[in-house]
């Protein structure tokens, strides 16, 4: 899946440093150069007024974001912020992406001692849905959605010898079993029901996701 720049989710609370300026910082991913909207905040320090990146403020509040494809780079950014000291909030608005990278993040989320709260903004689909479902507390905004399906063959498709095609198919089925087991474990669904739902693209509105135990609650305040 082609990469894209990670978005910036901005949240305001009373008594926090105020937003004072913004900038478009150079950003390069997968050999493509673009610009990322980078809000700045002004904070009074012992040295006077200083400007900081909004993402630094979020990190200080133990808030992380997955806004864009799940890939090695986006997962590495999140893993660097998963330090087991206090509860962490992970905001998700993602179409999914690389299964192996997603499973790496899932393993780290499962291994750290602090709870990870996941919040769905917009859409958590495919591998991003699995990461959302794996949260210790799973919140959805009213108009957000979750989509689950079986892993897909990426790249240019299937080719090569009969043995290589079979090996690819066997590996895909192995990954299908792994992802279905994760969904079953975190929702309480029977594995057979998970396979029924993931045989196609299955979408859940926020209230439907709660009813299906893919999420815990619908929230209207952050």
C-alpha atoms as a PDB file:
ATOM      1  CA  UNK A   1       0.000   0.000   0.000  1.00  0.00           C
ATOM      2  CA  UNK A   2       1.401   3.372  -0.949  1.00  0.00           C
ATOM      3  CA  UNK A   3       2.542   5.450   1.989  1.00  0.00           C
ATOM      4  CA  UNK A   4       1.247   8.879   2.898  1.00  0.00           C
ATOM      5  CA  UNK A   5       2.151  11.510   5.455  1.00  0.00           C
ATOM      6  CA  UNK A   6       0.986  10.909   8.985  1.00  0.00           C
ATOM      7  CA  UNK A   7      -1.730  13.348  10.003  1.00  0.00           C
ATOM      8  CA  UNK A   8      -1.662  15.439  13.177  1.00  0.00           C
ATOM      9  CA  UNK A   9      -4.556  15.157  15.608  1.00  0.00           C
ATOM     10  CA  UNK A  10      -4.840  18.297  17.723  1.00  0.00           C
ATOM     11  CA  UNK A  11      -6.663  18.270  21.063  1.00  0.00           C
ATOM     12  CA  UNK A  12      -7.210  21.240  23.323  1.00  0.00           C
ATOM     13  CA  UNK A  13      -7.820  21.273  27.067  1.00  0.00           C
ATOM     14  CA  UNK A  14      -8.019  24.136  29.568  1.00  0.00           C
ATOM     15  CA  UNK A  15      -4.719  25.258  31.092  1.00  0.00           C
ATOM     16  CA  UNK A  16      -2.664  23.772  28.304  1.00  0.00           C
ATOM     17  CA  UNK A  17      -0.233  25.811  26.207  1.00  0.00           C
ATOM     18  CA  UNK A  18      -2.122  27.649  23.488  1.00  0.00           C
ATOM     19  CA  UNK A  19      -1.772  27.142  19.760  1.00  0.00           C
ATOM     20  CA  UNK A  20       0.120  30.110  18.416  1.00  0.00           C
ATOM     21  CA  UNK A  21       1.492  29.306  14.985  1.00  0.00           C
ATOM     22  CA  UNK A  22       1.821  26.601  12.406  1.00  0.00           C
ATOM     23  CA  UNK A  23       4.303  25.497   9.797  1.00  0.00           C
ATOM     24  CA  UNK A  24       4.617  23.097   6.911  1.00  0.00           C
ATOM     25  CA  UNK A  25       7.614  20.904   7.677  1.00  0.00           C
ATOM     26  CA  UNK A  26       9.349  18.916   4.914  1.00  0.00           C
ATOM     27  CA  UNK A  27       8.506  15.235   5.078  1.00  0.00           C
ATOM     28  CA  UNK A  28       9.734  12.327   2.994  1.00  0.00           C
ATOM     29  CA  UNK A  29       8.335   8.782   2.851  1.00  0.00           C
ATOM     30  CA  UNK A  30       8.897   6.016   0.330  1.00  0.00           C
ATOM     31  CA  UNK A  31      11.020   8.366  -1.754  1.00  0.00           C
ATOM     32  CA  UNK A  32       8.242  10.953  -2.089  1.00  0.00           C
ATOM     33  CA  UNK A  33       8.692  14.416  -0.644  1.00  0.00           C
ATOM     34  CA  UNK A  34       5.670  16.298   0.685  1.00  0.00           C
ATOM     35  CA  UNK A  35       4.754  18.687   3.497  1.00  0.00           C
ATOM     36  CA  UNK A  36       3.111  18.012   6.837  1.00  0.00           C
ATOM     37  CA  UNK A  37       0.965  20.528   8.694  1.00  0.00           C
ATOM     38  CA  UNK A  38       2.829  20.969  11.961  1.00  0.00           C
ATOM     39  CA  UNK A  39       0.968  23.043  14.591  1.00  0.00           C
ATOM     40  CA  UNK A  40       3.142  24.903  17.053  1.00  0.00           C
ATOM     41  CA  UNK A  41       2.356  25.873  20.652  1.00  0.00           C
ATOM     42  CA  UNK A  42       3.793  28.704  22.704  1.00  0.00           C
ATOM     43  CA  UNK A  43       4.762  27.941  26.286  1.00  0.00           C
ATOM     44  CA  UNK A  44       6.305  30.152  28.936  1.00  0.00           C
ATOM     45  CA  UNK A  45       9.521  28.682  30.358  1.00  0.00           C
ATOM     46  CA  UNK A  46      12.412  29.900  32.479  1.00  0.00           C
ATOM     47  CA  UNK A  47      14.020  31.054  29.226  1.00  0.00           C
ATOM     48  CA  UNK A  48      10.954  33.025  28.148  1.00  0.00           C
ATOM     49  CA  UNK A  49       8.389  32.131  25.506  1.00  0.00           C
ATOM     50  CA  UNK A  50       9.322  29.079  23.473  1.00  0.00           C
ATOM     51  CA  UNK A  51       7.610  27.275  20.622  1.00  0.00           C
ATOM     52  CA  UNK A  52       7.130  23.521  20.526  1.00  0.00           C
ATOM     53  CA  UNK A  53       5.659  21.068  18.044  1.00  0.00           C
ATOM     54  CA  UNK A  54       2.120  20.011  19.022  1.00  0.00           C
ATOM     55  CA  UNK A  55       3.165  16.370  18.637  1.00  0.00           C
ATOM     56  CA  UNK A  56       5.748  16.901  21.393  1.00  0.00           C
ATOM     57  CA  UNK A  57       2.954  18.137  23.655  1.00  0.00           C
ATOM     58  CA  UNK A  58       0.862  15.072  22.807  1.00  0.00           C
ATOM     59  CA  UNK A  59       3.807  12.790  23.563  1.00  0.00           C
ATOM     60  CA  UNK A  60       4.329  14.523  26.904  1.00  0.00           C
ATOM     61  CA  UNK A  61       0.674  13.735  27.678  1.00  0.00           C
ATOM     62  CA  UNK A  62       1.247  10.108  26.569  1.00  0.00           C
ATOM     63  CA  UNK A  63      -0.965  10.508  23.510  1.00  0.00           C
ATOM     64  CA  UNK A  64       0.045   8.824  20.241  1.00  0.00           C
ATOM     65  CA  UNK A  65      -1.527   8.738  16.789  1.00  0.00           C
ATOM     66  CA  UNK A  66      -1.871   6.344  13.884  1.00  0.00           C
ATOM     67  CA  UNK A  67      -3.261   8.537  11.119  1.00  0.00           C
ATOM     68  CA  UNK A  68      -2.408   6.956   7.779  1.00  0.00           C
ATOM     69  CA  UNK A  69      -1.192   3.560   6.577  1.00  0.00           C
ATOM     70  CA  UNK A  70       0.161   0.905   8.919  1.00  0.00           C
ATOM     71  CA  UNK A  71       3.752   0.363   7.804  1.00  0.00           C
ATOM     72  CA  UNK A  72       7.210  -0.086   9.289  1.00  0.00           C
ATOM     73  CA  UNK A  73       7.784   3.661   9.664  1.00  0.00           C
ATOM     74  CA  UNK A  74       4.473   4.584  11.272  1.00  0.00           C
ATOM     75  CA  UNK A  75       4.685   1.592  13.618  1.00  0.00           C
ATOM     76  CA  UNK A  76       8.244   2.501  14.642  1.00  0.00           C
ATOM     77  CA  UNK A  77       7.081   6.037  15.506  1.00  0.00           C
ATOM     78  CA  UNK A  78       4.376   4.642  17.798  1.00  0.00           C
ATOM     79  CA  UNK A  79       6.563   1.988  19.419  1.00  0.00           C
ATOM     80  CA  UNK A  80       9.071   4.672  20.431  1.00  0.00           C
ATOM     81  CA  UNK A  81       6.297   6.307  22.461  1.00  0.00           C
ATOM     82  CA  UNK A  82       5.045   3.123  24.146  1.00  0.00           C
ATOM     83  CA  UNK A  83       6.963   3.445  27.392  1.00  0.00           C
ATOM     84  CA  UNK A  84       5.495   1.567  30.378  1.00  0.00           C
ATOM     85  CA  UNK A  85       5.108   4.363  32.903  1.00  0.00           C
ATOM     86  CA  UNK A  86       1.464   5.489  32.807  1.00  0.00           C
ATOM     87  CA  UNK A  87      -1.641   4.856  30.684  1.00  0.00           C
ATOM     88  CA  UNK A  88      -1.288   5.621  26.976  1.00  0.00           C
ATOM     89  CA  UNK A  89      -3.934   6.826  24.507  1.00  0.00           C
ATOM     90  CA  UNK A  90      -3.584   5.804  20.850  1.00  0.00           C
ATOM     91  CA  UNK A  91      -5.752   7.729  18.366  1.00  0.00           C
ATOM     92  CA  UNK A  92      -6.455   5.717  15.191  1.00  0.00           C
ATOM     93  CA  UNK A  93      -7.706   6.896  11.796  1.00  0.00           C
ATOM     94  CA  UNK A  94      -6.209   4.431   9.326  1.00  0.00           C
ATOM     95  CA  UNK A  95      -7.128   2.293   6.297  1.00  0.00           C
ATOM     96  CA  UNK A  96      -4.781  -0.455   7.499  1.00  0.00           C
ATOM     97  CA  UNK A  97      -1.649  -1.671   5.759  1.00  0.00           C
ATOM     98  CA  UNK A  98       1.158  -4.132   6.380  1.00  0.00           C
ATOM     99  CA  UNK A  99       0.129  -7.099   8.503  1.00  0.00           C
ATOM    100  CA  UNK A 100       3.620  -7.897   9.774  1.00  0.00           C
ATOM    101  CA  UNK A 101       4.244  -4.315  10.886  1.00  0.00           C
ATOM    102  CA  UNK A 102       0.840  -4.241  12.539  1.00  0.00           C
ATOM    103  CA  UNK A 103       1.497  -7.477  14.400  1.00  0.00           C
ATOM    104  CA  UNK A 104       4.787  -6.026  15.645  1.00  0.00           C
ATOM    105  CA  UNK A 105       2.892  -3.111  17.180  1.00  0.00           C
ATOM    106  CA  UNK A 106       0.249  -5.484  18.553  1.00  0.00           C
ATOM    107  CA  UNK A 107       2.954  -7.548  20.278  1.00  0.00           C
ATOM    108  CA  UNK A 108       4.436  -4.438  21.904  1.00  0.00           C
ATOM    109  CA  UNK A 109       1.001  -3.220  23.035  1.00  0.00           C
ATOM    110  CA  UNK A 110       0.426  -6.638  24.619  1.00  0.00           C
ATOM    111  CA  UNK A 111       3.852  -6.772  26.236  1.00  0.00           C
ATOM    112  CA  UNK A 112       4.007  -3.400  28.000  1.00  0.00           C
ATOM    113  CA  UNK A 113       2.692  -3.199  31.547  1.00  0.00           C
ATOM    114  CA  UNK A 114       0.684   0.029  31.236  1.00  0.00           C
ATOM    115  CA  UNK A 115      -2.846   0.057  29.786  1.00  0.00           C
ATOM    116  CA  UNK A 116      -3.315   1.308  26.213  1.00  0.00           C
ATOM    117  CA  UNK A 117      -6.556   3.110  25.421  1.00  0.00           C
ATOM    118  CA  UNK A 118      -7.472   3.157  21.722  1.00  0.00           C
ATOM    119  CA  UNK A 119      -9.739   5.820  20.215  1.00  0.00           C
ATOM    120  CA  UNK A 120     -11.203   5.445  16.713  1.00  0.00           C
ATOM    121  CA  UNK A 121     -11.404   8.697  14.746  1.00  0.00           C
ATOM    122  CA  UNK A 122     -13.077   8.291  11.371  1.00  0.00           C
ATOM    123  CA  UNK A 123     -12.065   4.773  10.348  1.00  0.00           C
ATOM    124  CA  UNK A 124     -10.101   1.848  11.735  1.00  0.00           C
ATOM    125  CA  UNK A 125      -9.925  -0.678   8.904  1.00  0.00           C
ATOM    126  CA  UNK A 126      -8.125  -3.932   8.203  1.00  0.00           C
ATOM    127  CA  UNK A 127      -4.896  -4.101  10.261  1.00  0.00           C
ATOM    128  CA  UNK A 128      -5.774  -0.811  11.974  1.00  0.00           C
ATOM    129  CA  UNK A 129      -9.045  -2.396  13.146  1.00  0.00           C
ATOM    130  CA  UNK A 130      -7.119  -5.206  14.802  1.00  0.00           C
ATOM    131  CA  UNK A 131      -4.939  -2.654  16.621  1.00  0.00           C
ATOM    132  CA  UNK A 132      -8.006  -0.710  17.726  1.00  0.00           C
ATOM    133  CA  UNK A 133      -9.750  -3.870  18.956  1.00  0.00           C
ATOM    134  CA  UNK A 134      -6.640  -4.811  20.960  1.00  0.00           C
ATOM    135  CA  UNK A 135      -6.869  -1.727  23.203  1.00  0.00           C
ATOM    136  CA  UNK A 136      -7.457  -2.182  26.917  1.00  0.00           C
ATOM    137  CA  UNK A 137     -10.191   0.458  26.622  1.00  0.00           C
ATOM    138  CA  UNK A 138     -11.685   1.011  23.157  1.00  0.00           C
ATOM    139  CA  UNK A 139     -13.563   4.243  22.464  1.00  0.00           C
ATOM    140  CA  UNK A 140     -15.243   5.405  19.263  1.00  0.00           C
ATOM    141  CA  UNK A 141     -16.448   8.826  18.217  1.00  0.00           C
ATOM    142  CA  UNK A 142     -20.102   8.841  17.072  1.00  0.00           C
ATOM    143  CA  UNK A 143     -19.443   8.814  13.311  1.00  0.00           C
ATOM    144  CA  UNK A 144     -16.396   6.555  13.275  1.00  0.00           C
ATOM    145  CA  UNK A 145     -16.425   3.043  11.805  1.00  0.00           C
ATOM    146  CA  UNK A 146     -14.515  -0.225  12.095  1.00  0.00           C
ATOM    147  CA  UNK A 147     -13.936  -2.556   9.135  1.00  0.00           C
ATOM    148  CA  UNK A 148     -12.584  -6.096   9.386  1.00  0.00           C
ATOM    149  CA  UNK A 149     -11.670  -8.543   6.628  1.00  0.00           C
ATOM    150  CA  UNK A 150      -9.243 -11.338   5.803  1.00  0.00           C
ATOM    151  CA  UNK A 151      -5.628 -10.439   4.931  1.00  0.00           C
ATOM    152  CA  UNK A 152      -5.136  -9.627   1.250  1.00  0.00           C
ATOM    153  CA  UNK A 153      -2.337 -10.493  -1.158  1.00  0.00           C
ATOM    154  CA  UNK A 154      -0.244  -7.367  -1.613  1.00  0.00           C
ATOM    155  CA  UNK A 155       2.245  -6.295  -4.227  1.00  0.00           C
ATOM    156  CA  UNK A 156       1.925  -7.256  -7.880  1.00  0.00           C
ATOM    157  CA  UNK A 157      -0.150 -10.360  -7.165  1.00  0.00           C
ATOM    158  CA  UNK A 158       0.564 -14.082  -7.343  1.00  0.00           C
ATOM    159  CA  UNK A 159       3.175 -15.385  -9.762  1.00  0.00           C
ATOM    160  CA  UNK A 160       6.035 -17.838 -10.096  1.00  0.00           C
ATOM    161  CA  UNK A 161       6.146 -21.603  -9.862  1.00  0.00           C
ATOM    162  CA  UNK A 162       3.326 -23.755  -8.542  1.00  0.00           C
ATOM    163  CA  UNK A 163       5.304 -24.407  -5.362  1.00  0.00           C
ATOM    164  CA  UNK A 164       5.933 -20.701  -4.750  1.00  0.00           C
ATOM    165  CA  UNK A 165       2.250 -19.916  -5.302  1.00  0.00           C
ATOM    166  CA  UNK A 166       1.282 -22.653  -2.843  1.00  0.00           C
ATOM    167  CA  UNK A 167       3.780 -21.362  -0.288  1.00  0.00           C
ATOM    168  CA  UNK A 168       2.324 -17.868  -0.648  1.00  0.00           C
ATOM    169  CA  UNK A 169      -1.208 -19.191  -0.215  1.00  0.00           C
ATOM    170  CA  UNK A 170      -0.221 -21.268   2.822  1.00  0.00           C
ATOM    171  CA  UNK A 171       1.393 -18.234   4.442  1.00  0.00           C
ATOM    172  CA  UNK A 172      -1.686 -16.129   3.752  1.00  0.00           C
ATOM    173  CA  UNK A 173      -3.882 -18.727   5.434  1.00  0.00           C
ATOM    174  CA  UNK A 174      -1.504 -18.800   8.418  1.00  0.00           C
ATOM    175  CA  UNK A 175      -1.787 -15.018   8.773  1.00  0.00           C
ATOM    176  CA  UNK A 176      -5.572 -15.299   8.408  1.00  0.00           C
ATOM    177  CA  UNK A 177      -5.650 -17.713  11.353  1.00  0.00           C
ATOM    178  CA  UNK A 178      -3.477 -15.402  13.464  1.00  0.00           C
ATOM    179  CA  UNK A 179      -5.529 -12.259  12.846  1.00  0.00           C
ATOM    180  CA  UNK A 180      -8.820 -14.095  13.364  1.00  0.00           C
ATOM    181  CA  UNK A 181      -7.553 -15.483  16.667  1.00  0.00           C
ATOM    182  CA  UNK A 182      -6.619 -11.970  17.822  1.00  0.00           C
ATOM    183  CA  UNK A 183     -10.102 -10.672  16.984  1.00  0.00           C
ATOM    184  CA  UNK A 184     -11.734 -13.630  18.738  1.00  0.00           C
ATOM    185  CA  UNK A 185      -9.573 -13.159  21.845  1.00  0.00           C
ATOM    186  CA  UNK A 186     -10.397  -9.458  22.238  1.00  0.00           C
ATOM    187  CA  UNK A 187     -14.110  -9.654  21.386  1.00  0.00           C
ATOM    188  CA  UNK A 188     -15.191 -13.003  22.812  1.00  0.00           C
ATOM    189  CA  UNK A 189     -16.582 -14.047  19.399  1.00  0.00           C
ATOM    190  CA  UNK A 190     -16.368 -17.702  18.416  1.00  0.00           C
ATOM    191  CA  UNK A 191     -13.625 -18.210  15.843  1.00  0.00           C
ATOM    192  CA  UNK A 192     -16.175 -19.506  13.310  1.00  0.00           C
ATOM    193  CA  UNK A 193     -18.119 -16.234  13.593  1.00  0.00           C
ATOM    194  CA  UNK A 194     -14.942 -14.215  13.056  1.00  0.00           C
ATOM    195  CA  UNK A 195     -14.203 -16.145   9.866  1.00  0.00           C
ATOM    196  CA  UNK A 196     -17.741 -15.465   8.637  1.00  0.00           C
ATOM    197  CA  UNK A 197     -17.360 -11.729   9.196  1.00  0.00           C
ATOM    198  CA  UNK A 198     -13.857 -11.445   7.735  1.00  0.00           C
ATOM    199  CA  UNK A 199     -14.693 -13.395   4.564  1.00  0.00           C
ATOM    200  CA  UNK A 200     -15.737 -10.013   3.134  1.00  0.00           C
ATOM    201  CA  UNK A 201     -15.318  -6.339   4.041  1.00  0.00           C
ATOM    202  CA  UNK A 202     -17.596  -5.980   7.079  1.00  0.00           C
ATOM    203  CA  UNK A 203     -18.232  -2.477   8.389  1.00  0.00           C
ATOM    204  CA  UNK A 204     -19.509  -1.565  11.849  1.00  0.00           C
ATOM    205  CA  UNK A 205     -20.887   1.832  12.771  1.00  0.00           C
ATOM    206  CA  UNK A 206     -19.918   3.016  16.254  1.00  0.00           C
ATOM    207  CA  UNK A 207     -22.952   1.621  18.075  1.00  0.00           C
ATOM    208  CA  UNK A 208     -22.773  -1.622  16.077  1.00  0.00           C
ATOM    209  CA  UNK A 209     -19.119  -2.040  17.017  1.00  0.00           C
ATOM    210  CA  UNK A 210     -20.016  -1.739  20.699  1.00  0.00           C
ATOM    211  CA  UNK A 211     -22.821  -4.296  20.308  1.00  0.00           C
ATOM    212  CA  UNK A 212     -20.380  -6.694  18.595  1.00  0.00           C
ATOM    213  CA  UNK A 213     -17.776  -6.169  21.376  1.00  0.00           C
ATOM    214  CA  UNK A 214     -15.306  -4.640  18.920  1.00  0.00           C
ATOM    215  CA  UNK A 215     -15.450  -1.455  21.013  1.00  0.00           C
ATOM    216  CA  UNK A 216     -16.386  -0.592  24.583  1.00  0.00           C
ATOM    217  CA  UNK A 217     -18.244   2.685  24.259  1.00  0.00           C
ATOM    218  CA  UNK A 218     -19.168   5.624  22.043  1.00  0.00           C
ATOM    219  CA  UNK A 219     -17.820   8.920  23.382  1.00  0.00           C
ATOM    220  CA  UNK A 220     -18.708  12.522  22.620  1.00  0.00           C
ATOM    221  CA  UNK A 221     -15.933  14.198  24.574  1.00  0.00           C
ATOM    222  CA  UNK A 222     -12.183  13.679  24.414  1.00  0.00           C
END
